[in-house]
Amino acid sequence: MRKFFGAQLRIFFAGLLAMLPLALTIVAAAWVGSFVYAYTGPQSTFGILLAAIGLALVSNRVVAYLIGFLVVVVLLYAVGLMIRSQIKTEFAGIGSRLMSRIPLIGSVFNLMSRFVGVLGKQNAADTSAMAPVWCFFGGEGGAAALALLSSPEPVMLQGRPHLAILIPTAPVPFGGGLLFVPADWVVPASVGAEALTSIYVSMGMTSPQFLANPIRNS
């Protein structure tokens, strides 16, 4: 009897392990969906703005929200066409100059542009200037963090060269903490932008896939 129940239990756990990846994928998708809905749904600030666009045409708030959403999608598509066309340089240059001239917002815009450029691999210069690195807190043998090097040029703090690094947040790596750490704590990482994004989005679960040989000497 014990052997029988043991065999059934093993079969049960085999099925559980087989379905676990699918279940985790569904949970992750549901979490992302709820996160997006919280910030873009009809009750969010962005959703209210979308509804305001549609209310100029219809009185039903649900239909107005859908119309506003469609207007934004069309607008983004049109911007995408412009970016991919021959006027890409002129369009991007004008927009960047206008945003960069706004106090405080310009600095944030420049940083986010470089950060998104690294993740999207859209600009080779940005990728080289803001590259993935390892930061060993306390020096070699300390706790390690996978980060982005904001600038290869060190700054002097208390007579010691420091580098600015950005440690993204998981699982949404479009923000994070900016730290100035001693330059000898920072080591170039042999991972690409896609790997860094995947590791943070998966909250470290894809680390074994990308970090077989993660560190190279500077």
Foldseek 3Di string as FASTA:
>chain_A
DVVVVVVVVVVVVVVVVVCVVVVVVVVLVVVVVVVCCQCCNCPHPVLVVQQVCQCVPPPDSVVSSVNSVVVVVVVVVVVVVCCPDPCVVVVVVVVLVVQLPDPPSNVVVVQLVLVVCQLVVVDPVSCVAWDWKWFAVPAPPHDIATWTFNGPDFDADPNFTWTWTFGAAAPPRSHGDIDTGGPRRIFGWPFGSNVSNVCRNVVNPCCVVGVPPTGDGD
